[in-house]
Amino acid sequence: MEATFRALSKHGYNDLRMRDIGEEFEMSRTLIHYHYDGRHDLISALLEYVIEQYEGSVELDEGTDPVAELDVRIDQCLFGPEFDNDFGHWERMTVYHELFSQAQHNERHREVFNRHYETIRGSIEQVIERGIEEGVFRDVNVTDTAQLVTDLIHAARARRISLGHEDAPEQARRGIDEFVVSALLNPDYVLPSAMGRSQ
């Protein structure tokens, strides 16, 4: 998967060949052909691999306040987890968004992205629902609110990657805090004073 990632980063989706992936792979290229039915199958597996790295990397303490949990989940999507190799969050997001642009032409990619978006939106929905139940958040349309946050995250990442607007994620984060999270808060609820908020 990492070899495919490196090759895709260098050559882009349209120009990528199995030979390019083989050149990044330390073992025999025949091994790739044994496990994957061509370039599209391998790239779909890469997409699932990248998504799994994000979906399984949010760690929260038991009893985390709904506002703090929402902060962590938004930051995770916008700024990513830490990676132990040369390819960090934005390198991975560049590949992710390039594959996203191909989803309209690839049914398997579209299915993977739809599942991923349902997971992201679903995790935000759960936080908002818990916040409503605990009196932290106002009673809102949970699905629409979670979808709005998800769309803002995606648009900010795409603007940074495609247009080079380096401040897009931070700007989106401030906007989410000011216009979404602040609107969610129940005016009668007092946040714990010790709780640190993301900036």
C-alpha atoms as a PDB file:
ATOM      1  CA  MET A   1       0.000   0.000   0.000  1.00  0.00           C
ATOM      2  CA  GLU A   2       2.807   2.404   0.846  1.00  0.00           C
ATOM      3  CA  ALA A   3       4.514   1.621  -2.482  1.00  0.00           C
ATOM      4  CA  THR A   4       1.266   2.391  -4.311  1.00  0.00           C
ATOM      5  CA  PHE A   5       0.924   5.566  -2.312  1.00  0.00           C
ATOM      6  CA  ARG A   6       4.438   6.708  -3.236  1.00  0.00           C
ATOM      7  CA  ALA A   7       3.888   5.940  -6.918  1.00  0.00           C
ATOM      8  CA  LEU A   8       0.530   7.688  -6.984  1.00  0.00           C
ATOM      9  CA  SER A   9       2.048  10.736  -5.281  1.00  0.00           C
ATOM     10  CA  LYS A  10       4.762  10.930  -7.946  1.00  0.00           C
ATOM     11  CA  HIS A  11       2.798  10.141 -11.097  1.00  0.00           C
ATOM     12  CA  GLY A  12      -0.835  11.056 -10.372  1.00  0.00           C
ATOM     13  CA  TYR A  13      -3.880   8.921 -11.019  1.00  0.00           C
ATOM     14  CA  ASN A  14      -4.127   9.272 -14.800  1.00  0.00           C
ATOM     15  CA  ASP A  15      -0.461   8.508 -15.535  1.00  0.00           C
ATOM     16  CA  LEU A  16       0.043   5.779 -12.955  1.00  0.00           C
ATOM     17  CA  ARG A  17       1.117   2.361 -14.281  1.00  0.00           C
ATOM     18  CA  MET A  18       1.636  -0.931 -12.493  1.00  0.00           C
ATOM     19  CA  ARG A  19       5.297  -0.623 -13.494  1.00  0.00           C
ATOM     20  CA  ASP A  20       5.525   2.615 -11.484  1.00  0.00           C
ATOM     21  CA  ILE A  21       4.160   0.860  -8.420  1.00  0.00           C
ATOM     22  CA  GLY A  22       6.557  -2.031  -8.959  1.00  0.00           C
ATOM     23  CA  GLU A  23       9.496   0.375  -8.969  1.00  0.00           C
ATOM     24  CA  GLU A  24       8.484   1.575  -5.485  1.00  0.00           C
ATOM     25  CA  PHE A  25       7.945  -1.969  -4.205  1.00  0.00           C
ATOM     26  CA  GLU A  26      10.869  -3.721  -2.530  1.00  0.00           C
ATOM     27  CA  MET A  27       9.646  -7.193  -3.475  1.00  0.00           C
ATOM     28  CA  SER A  28       8.860  -8.762  -6.845  1.00  0.00           C
ATOM     29  CA  ARG A  29       6.285  -6.992  -9.000  1.00  0.00           C
ATOM     30  CA  THR A  30       4.695 -10.373  -9.763  1.00  0.00           C
ATOM     31  CA  LEU A  31       3.576 -10.438  -6.133  1.00  0.00           C
ATOM     32  CA  ILE A  32       1.425  -7.361  -6.799  1.00  0.00           C
ATOM     33  CA  HIS A  33      -0.212  -9.029  -9.804  1.00  0.00           C
ATOM     34  CA  TYR A  34      -0.824 -12.152  -7.739  1.00  0.00           C
ATOM     35  CA  HIS A  35      -2.834 -10.276  -5.115  1.00  0.00           C
ATOM     36  CA  TYR A  36      -4.493  -7.543  -7.190  1.00  0.00           C
ATOM     37  CA  ASP A  37      -6.418  -7.640 -10.426  1.00  0.00           C
ATOM     38  CA  GLY A  38      -4.779  -4.674 -12.090  1.00  0.00           C
ATOM     39  CA  ARG A  39      -4.269  -1.006 -11.322  1.00  0.00           C
ATOM     40  CA  HIS A  40      -7.876  -0.120 -10.430  1.00  0.00           C
ATOM     41  CA  ASP A  41      -8.164  -2.958  -7.938  1.00  0.00           C
ATOM     42  CA  LEU A  42      -4.903  -1.941  -6.268  1.00  0.00           C
ATOM     43  CA  ILE A  43      -5.854   1.739  -6.075  1.00  0.00           C
ATOM     44  CA  SER A  44      -9.228   0.845  -4.557  1.00  0.00           C
ATOM     45  CA  ALA A  45      -7.390  -1.187  -1.914  1.00  0.00           C
ATOM     46  CA  LEU A  46      -5.115   1.814  -1.304  1.00  0.00           C
ATOM     47  CA  LEU A  47      -8.129   4.061  -0.801  1.00  0.00           C
ATOM     48  CA  GLU A  48      -9.548   1.663   1.783  1.00  0.00           C
ATOM     49  CA  TYR A  49      -6.132   1.496   3.476  1.00  0.00           C
ATOM     50  CA  VAL A  50      -5.835   5.293   3.762  1.00  0.00           C
ATOM     51  CA  ILE A  51      -9.377   5.635   5.098  1.00  0.00           C
ATOM     52  CA  GLU A  52      -8.830   2.917   7.715  1.00  0.00           C
ATOM     53  CA  GLN A  53      -5.843   4.869   9.054  1.00  0.00           C
ATOM     54  CA  TYR A  54      -8.118   7.811   9.789  1.00  0.00           C
ATOM     55  CA  GLU A  55     -11.210   6.016  10.997  1.00  0.00           C
ATOM     56  CA  GLY A  56      -9.310   4.066  13.631  1.00  0.00           C
ATOM     57  CA  SER A  57      -7.117   6.818  15.004  1.00  0.00           C
ATOM     58  CA  VAL A  58      -9.420   8.902  17.219  1.00  0.00           C
ATOM     59  CA  GLU A  59      -8.763   8.157  20.883  1.00  0.00           C
ATOM     60  CA  LEU A  60     -10.910   9.678  23.609  1.00  0.00           C
ATOM     61  CA  ASP A  61     -10.956   9.361  27.371  1.00  0.00           C
ATOM     62  CA  GLU A  62     -14.087   7.909  28.899  1.00  0.00           C
ATOM     63  CA  GLY A  63     -16.470  10.668  29.927  1.00  0.00           C
ATOM     64  CA  THR A  64     -15.082  13.245  27.495  1.00  0.00           C
ATOM     65  CA  ASP A  65     -17.399  16.263  27.300  1.00  0.00           C
ATOM     66  CA  PRO A  66     -19.422  16.327  24.023  1.00  0.00           C
ATOM     67  CA  VAL A  67     -17.906  19.692  23.050  1.00  0.00           C
ATOM     68  CA  ALA A  68     -14.369  18.393  23.607  1.00  0.00           C
ATOM     69  CA  GLU A  69     -15.146  15.217  21.664  1.00  0.00           C
ATOM     70  CA  LEU A  70     -16.569  17.219  18.774  1.00  0.00           C
ATOM     71  CA  ASP A  71     -13.385  19.318  18.802  1.00  0.00           C
ATOM     72  CA  VAL A  72     -11.185  16.220  18.605  1.00  0.00           C
ATOM     73  CA  ARG A  73     -13.156  14.688  15.752  1.00  0.00           C
ATOM     74  CA  ILE A  74     -13.156  17.900  13.714  1.00  0.00           C
ATOM     75  CA  ASP A  75      -9.427  18.431  14.286  1.00  0.00           C
ATOM     76  CA  GLN A  76      -8.724  14.828  13.298  1.00  0.00           C
ATOM     77  CA  CYS A  77     -10.489  15.297   9.964  1.00  0.00           C
ATOM     78  CA  LEU A  78      -8.943  18.695   9.251  1.00  0.00           C
ATOM     79  CA  PHE A  79      -5.394  18.208  10.522  1.00  0.00           C
ATOM     80  CA  GLY A  80      -5.012  14.432  10.645  1.00  0.00           C
ATOM     81  CA  PRO A  81      -3.190  12.017  12.938  1.00  0.00           C
ATOM     82  CA  GLU A  82       0.583  11.745  13.242  1.00  0.00           C
ATOM     83  CA  PHE A  83       2.322   9.350  10.867  1.00  0.00           C
ATOM     84  CA  ASP A  84       5.692   7.692  11.449  1.00  0.00           C
ATOM     85  CA  ASN A  85       6.940   7.869   7.863  1.00  0.00           C
ATOM     86  CA  ASP A  86       7.693  10.484   5.215  1.00  0.00           C
ATOM     87  CA  PHE A  87       4.079  10.811   4.098  1.00  0.00           C
ATOM     88  CA  GLY A  88       2.112  12.948   6.486  1.00  0.00           C
ATOM     89  CA  HIS A  89      -1.498  14.009   6.627  1.00  0.00           C
ATOM     90  CA  TRP A  90      -1.451  16.422   3.688  1.00  0.00           C
ATOM     91  CA  GLU A  91       0.418  14.048   1.398  1.00  0.00           C
ATOM     92  CA  ARG A  92      -2.211  11.429   2.147  1.00  0.00           C
ATOM     93  CA  MET A  93      -5.030  13.910   1.736  1.00  0.00           C
ATOM     94  CA  THR A  94      -3.651  14.927  -1.673  1.00  0.00           C
ATOM     95  CA  VAL A  95      -3.954  11.324  -2.842  1.00  0.00           C
ATOM     96  CA  TYR A  96      -7.339  10.996  -1.129  1.00  0.00           C
ATOM     97  CA  HIS A  97      -8.765  14.026  -2.911  1.00  0.00           C
ATOM     98  CA  GLU A  98      -7.324  12.982  -6.253  1.00  0.00           C
ATOM     99  CA  LEU A  99      -9.097   9.644  -5.910  1.00  0.00           C
ATOM    100  CA  PHE A 100     -12.227  11.464  -4.766  1.00  0.00           C
ATOM    101  CA  SER A 101     -12.242  13.386  -8.048  1.00  0.00           C
ATOM    102  CA  GLN A 102     -12.303  10.035  -9.891  1.00  0.00           C
ATOM    103  CA  ALA A 103     -15.205   8.604  -7.881  1.00  0.00           C
ATOM    104  CA  GLN A 104     -17.798   9.671 -10.443  1.00  0.00           C
ATOM    105  CA  HIS A 105     -16.118   7.324 -12.928  1.00  0.00           C
ATOM    106  CA  ASN A 106     -15.393   4.418 -10.576  1.00  0.00           C
ATOM    107  CA  GLU A 107     -18.241   2.662  -8.795  1.00  0.00           C
ATOM    108  CA  ARG A 108     -16.001   0.912  -6.251  1.00  0.00           C
ATOM    109  CA  HIS A 109     -14.319   4.190  -5.304  1.00  0.00           C
ATOM    110  CA  ARG A 110     -17.725   5.818  -4.969  1.00  0.00           C
ATOM    111  CA  GLU A 111     -18.904   3.046  -2.657  1.00  0.00           C
ATOM    112  CA  VAL A 112     -15.786   3.353  -0.478  1.00  0.00           C
ATOM    113  CA  PHE A 113     -16.119   7.137  -0.236  1.00  0.00           C
ATOM    114  CA  ASN A 114     -19.826   6.894   0.573  1.00  0.00           C
ATOM    115  CA  ARG A 115     -19.096   4.462   3.409  1.00  0.00           C
ATOM    116  CA  HIS A 116     -16.344   6.746   4.676  1.00  0.00           C
ATOM    117  CA  TYR A 117     -18.578   9.818   4.605  1.00  0.00           C
ATOM    118  CA  GLU A 118     -21.294   7.909   6.433  1.00  0.00           C
ATOM    119  CA  THR A 119     -18.724   6.990   9.083  1.00  0.00           C
ATOM    120  CA  ILE A 120     -17.488  10.569   9.501  1.00  0.00           C
ATOM    121  CA  ARG A 121     -20.973  12.041   9.547  1.00  0.00           C
ATOM    122  CA  GLY A 122     -22.184   9.229  11.803  1.00  0.00           C
ATOM    123  CA  SER A 123     -19.465   9.878  14.391  1.00  0.00           C
ATOM    124  CA  ILE A 124     -20.342  13.583  14.457  1.00  0.00           C
ATOM    125  CA  GLU A 125     -24.063  12.753  14.661  1.00  0.00           C
ATOM    126  CA  GLN A 126     -23.421  10.558  17.702  1.00  0.00           C
ATOM    127  CA  VAL A 127     -21.555  13.346  19.492  1.00  0.00           C
ATOM    128  CA  ILE A 128     -24.294  15.872  18.770  1.00  0.00           C
ATOM    129  CA  GLU A 129     -27.014  13.437  19.844  1.00  0.00           C
ATOM    130  CA  ARG A 130     -25.191  12.784  23.116  1.00  0.00           C
ATOM    131  CA  GLY A 131     -24.748  16.519  23.622  1.00  0.00           C
ATOM    132  CA  ILE A 132     -28.481  17.071  23.151  1.00  0.00           C
ATOM    133  CA  GLU A 133     -29.316  14.257  25.583  1.00  0.00           C
ATOM    134  CA  GLU A 134     -26.958  15.721  28.202  1.00  0.00           C
ATOM    135  CA  GLY A 135     -28.289  19.242  27.739  1.00  0.00           C
ATOM    136  CA  VAL A 136     -24.998  20.543  26.312  1.00  0.00           C
ATOM    137  CA  PHE A 137     -26.408  21.200  22.821  1.00  0.00           C
ATOM    138  CA  ARG A 138     -29.706  22.642  21.659  1.00  0.00           C
ATOM    139  CA  ASP A 139     -32.208  20.348  19.961  1.00  0.00           C
ATOM    140  CA  VAL A 140     -31.219  20.616  16.289  1.00  0.00           C
ATOM    141  CA  ASN A 141     -31.510  18.546  13.121  1.00  0.00           C
ATOM    142  CA  VAL A 142     -28.618  16.228  13.910  1.00  0.00           C
ATOM    143  CA  THR A 143     -28.126  14.803  10.408  1.00  0.00           C
ATOM    144  CA  ASP A 144     -28.135  18.197   8.672  1.00  0.00           C
ATOM    145  CA  THR A 145     -25.738  19.689  11.226  1.00  0.00           C
ATOM    146  CA  ALA A 146     -23.317  16.766  10.976  1.00  0.00           C
ATOM    147  CA  GLN A 147     -23.469  16.906   7.185  1.00  0.00           C
ATOM    148  CA  LEU A 148     -22.696  20.635   7.221  1.00  0.00           C
ATOM    149  CA  VAL A 149     -19.618  20.075   9.390  1.00  0.00           C
ATOM    150  CA  THR A 150     -18.485  17.218   7.146  1.00  0.00           C
ATOM    151  CA  ASP A 151     -18.914  19.343   4.013  1.00  0.00           C
ATOM    152  CA  LEU A 152     -16.991  22.254   5.536  1.00  0.00           C
ATOM    153  CA  ILE A 153     -14.107  19.950   6.411  1.00  0.00           C
ATOM    154  CA  HIS A 154     -13.981  18.464   2.917  1.00  0.00           C
ATOM    155  CA  ALA A 155     -14.175  21.863   1.200  1.00  0.00           C
ATOM    156  CA  ALA A 156     -11.378  23.297   3.357  1.00  0.00           C
ATOM    157  CA  ARG A 157      -9.088  20.346   2.653  1.00  0.00           C
ATOM    158  CA  ALA A 158      -9.811  20.556  -1.071  1.00  0.00           C
ATOM    159  CA  ARG A 159      -9.130  24.299  -1.132  1.00  0.00           C
ATOM    160  CA  ARG A 160      -5.759  23.826   0.548  1.00  0.00           C
ATOM    161  CA  ILE A 161      -4.765  20.971  -1.761  1.00  0.00           C
ATOM    162  CA  SER A 162      -6.131  22.229  -5.078  1.00  0.00           C
ATOM    163  CA  LEU A 163      -5.682  25.989  -4.703  1.00  0.00           C
ATOM    164  CA  GLY A 164      -2.742  26.152  -2.316  1.00  0.00           C
ATOM    165  CA  HIS A 165      -4.651  28.090   0.340  1.00  0.00           C
ATOM    166  CA  GLU A 166      -2.506  27.009   3.285  1.00  0.00           C
ATOM    167  CA  ASP A 167      -4.739  28.689   5.862  1.00  0.00           C
ATOM    168  CA  ALA A 168      -7.972  27.043   4.647  1.00  0.00           C
ATOM    169  CA  PRO A 169      -8.143  24.340   7.392  1.00  0.00           C
ATOM    170  CA  GLU A 170      -7.466  26.832  10.198  1.00  0.00           C
ATOM    171  CA  GLN A 171      -9.992  29.267   8.726  1.00  0.00           C
ATOM    172  CA  ALA A 172     -12.601  26.515   8.472  1.00  0.00           C
ATOM    173  CA  ARG A 173     -11.878  25.481  12.051  1.00  0.00           C
ATOM    174  CA  ARG A 174     -12.472  29.009  13.310  1.00  0.00           C
ATOM    175  CA  GLY A 175     -15.670  29.267  11.270  1.00  0.00           C
ATOM    176  CA  ILE A 176     -16.986  25.959  12.605  1.00  0.00           C
ATOM    177  CA  ASP A 177     -16.328  27.151  16.151  1.00  0.00           C
ATOM    178  CA  GLU A 178     -17.912  30.546  15.623  1.00  0.00           C
ATOM    179  CA  PHE A 179     -20.924  29.649  13.497  1.00  0.00           C
ATOM    180  CA  VAL A 180     -21.662  25.969  14.154  1.00  0.00           C
ATOM    181  CA  VAL A 181     -20.430  24.950  17.602  1.00  0.00           C
ATOM    182  CA  SER A 182     -21.455  28.231  19.225  1.00  0.00           C
ATOM    183  CA  ALA A 183     -24.913  27.890  17.672  1.00  0.00           C
ATOM    184  CA  LEU A 184     -25.163  24.327  18.964  1.00  0.00           C
ATOM    185  CA  LEU A 185     -24.447  25.223  22.582  1.00  0.00           C
ATOM    186  CA  ASN A 186     -27.388  25.308  24.924  1.00  0.00           C
ATOM    187  CA  PRO A 187     -27.275  28.818  26.500  1.00  0.00           C
ATOM    188  CA  ASP A 188     -28.235  27.310  29.858  1.00  0.00           C
ATOM    189  CA  TYR A 189     -25.284  24.927  29.882  1.00  0.00           C
ATOM    190  CA  VAL A 190     -21.996  25.974  31.502  1.00  0.00           C
ATOM    191  CA  LEU A 191     -18.897  24.330  30.034  1.00  0.00           C
ATOM    192  CA  PRO A 192     -16.380  22.891  32.529  1.00  0.00           C
ATOM    193  CA  SER A 193     -13.860  25.653  33.149  1.00  0.00           C
ATOM    194  CA  ALA A 194     -10.895  23.278  32.969  1.00  0.00           C
ATOM    195  CA  MET A 195     -11.778  22.027  29.520  1.00  0.00           C
ATOM    196  CA  GLY A 196      -9.385  23.219  26.799  1.00  0.00           C
ATOM    197  CA  ARG A 197     -10.922  24.141  23.473  1.00  0.00           C
ATOM    198  CA  SER A 198      -9.180  23.787  20.112  1.00  0.00           C
ATOM    199  CA  GLN A 199      -8.229  27.043  18.493  1.00  0.00           C
END
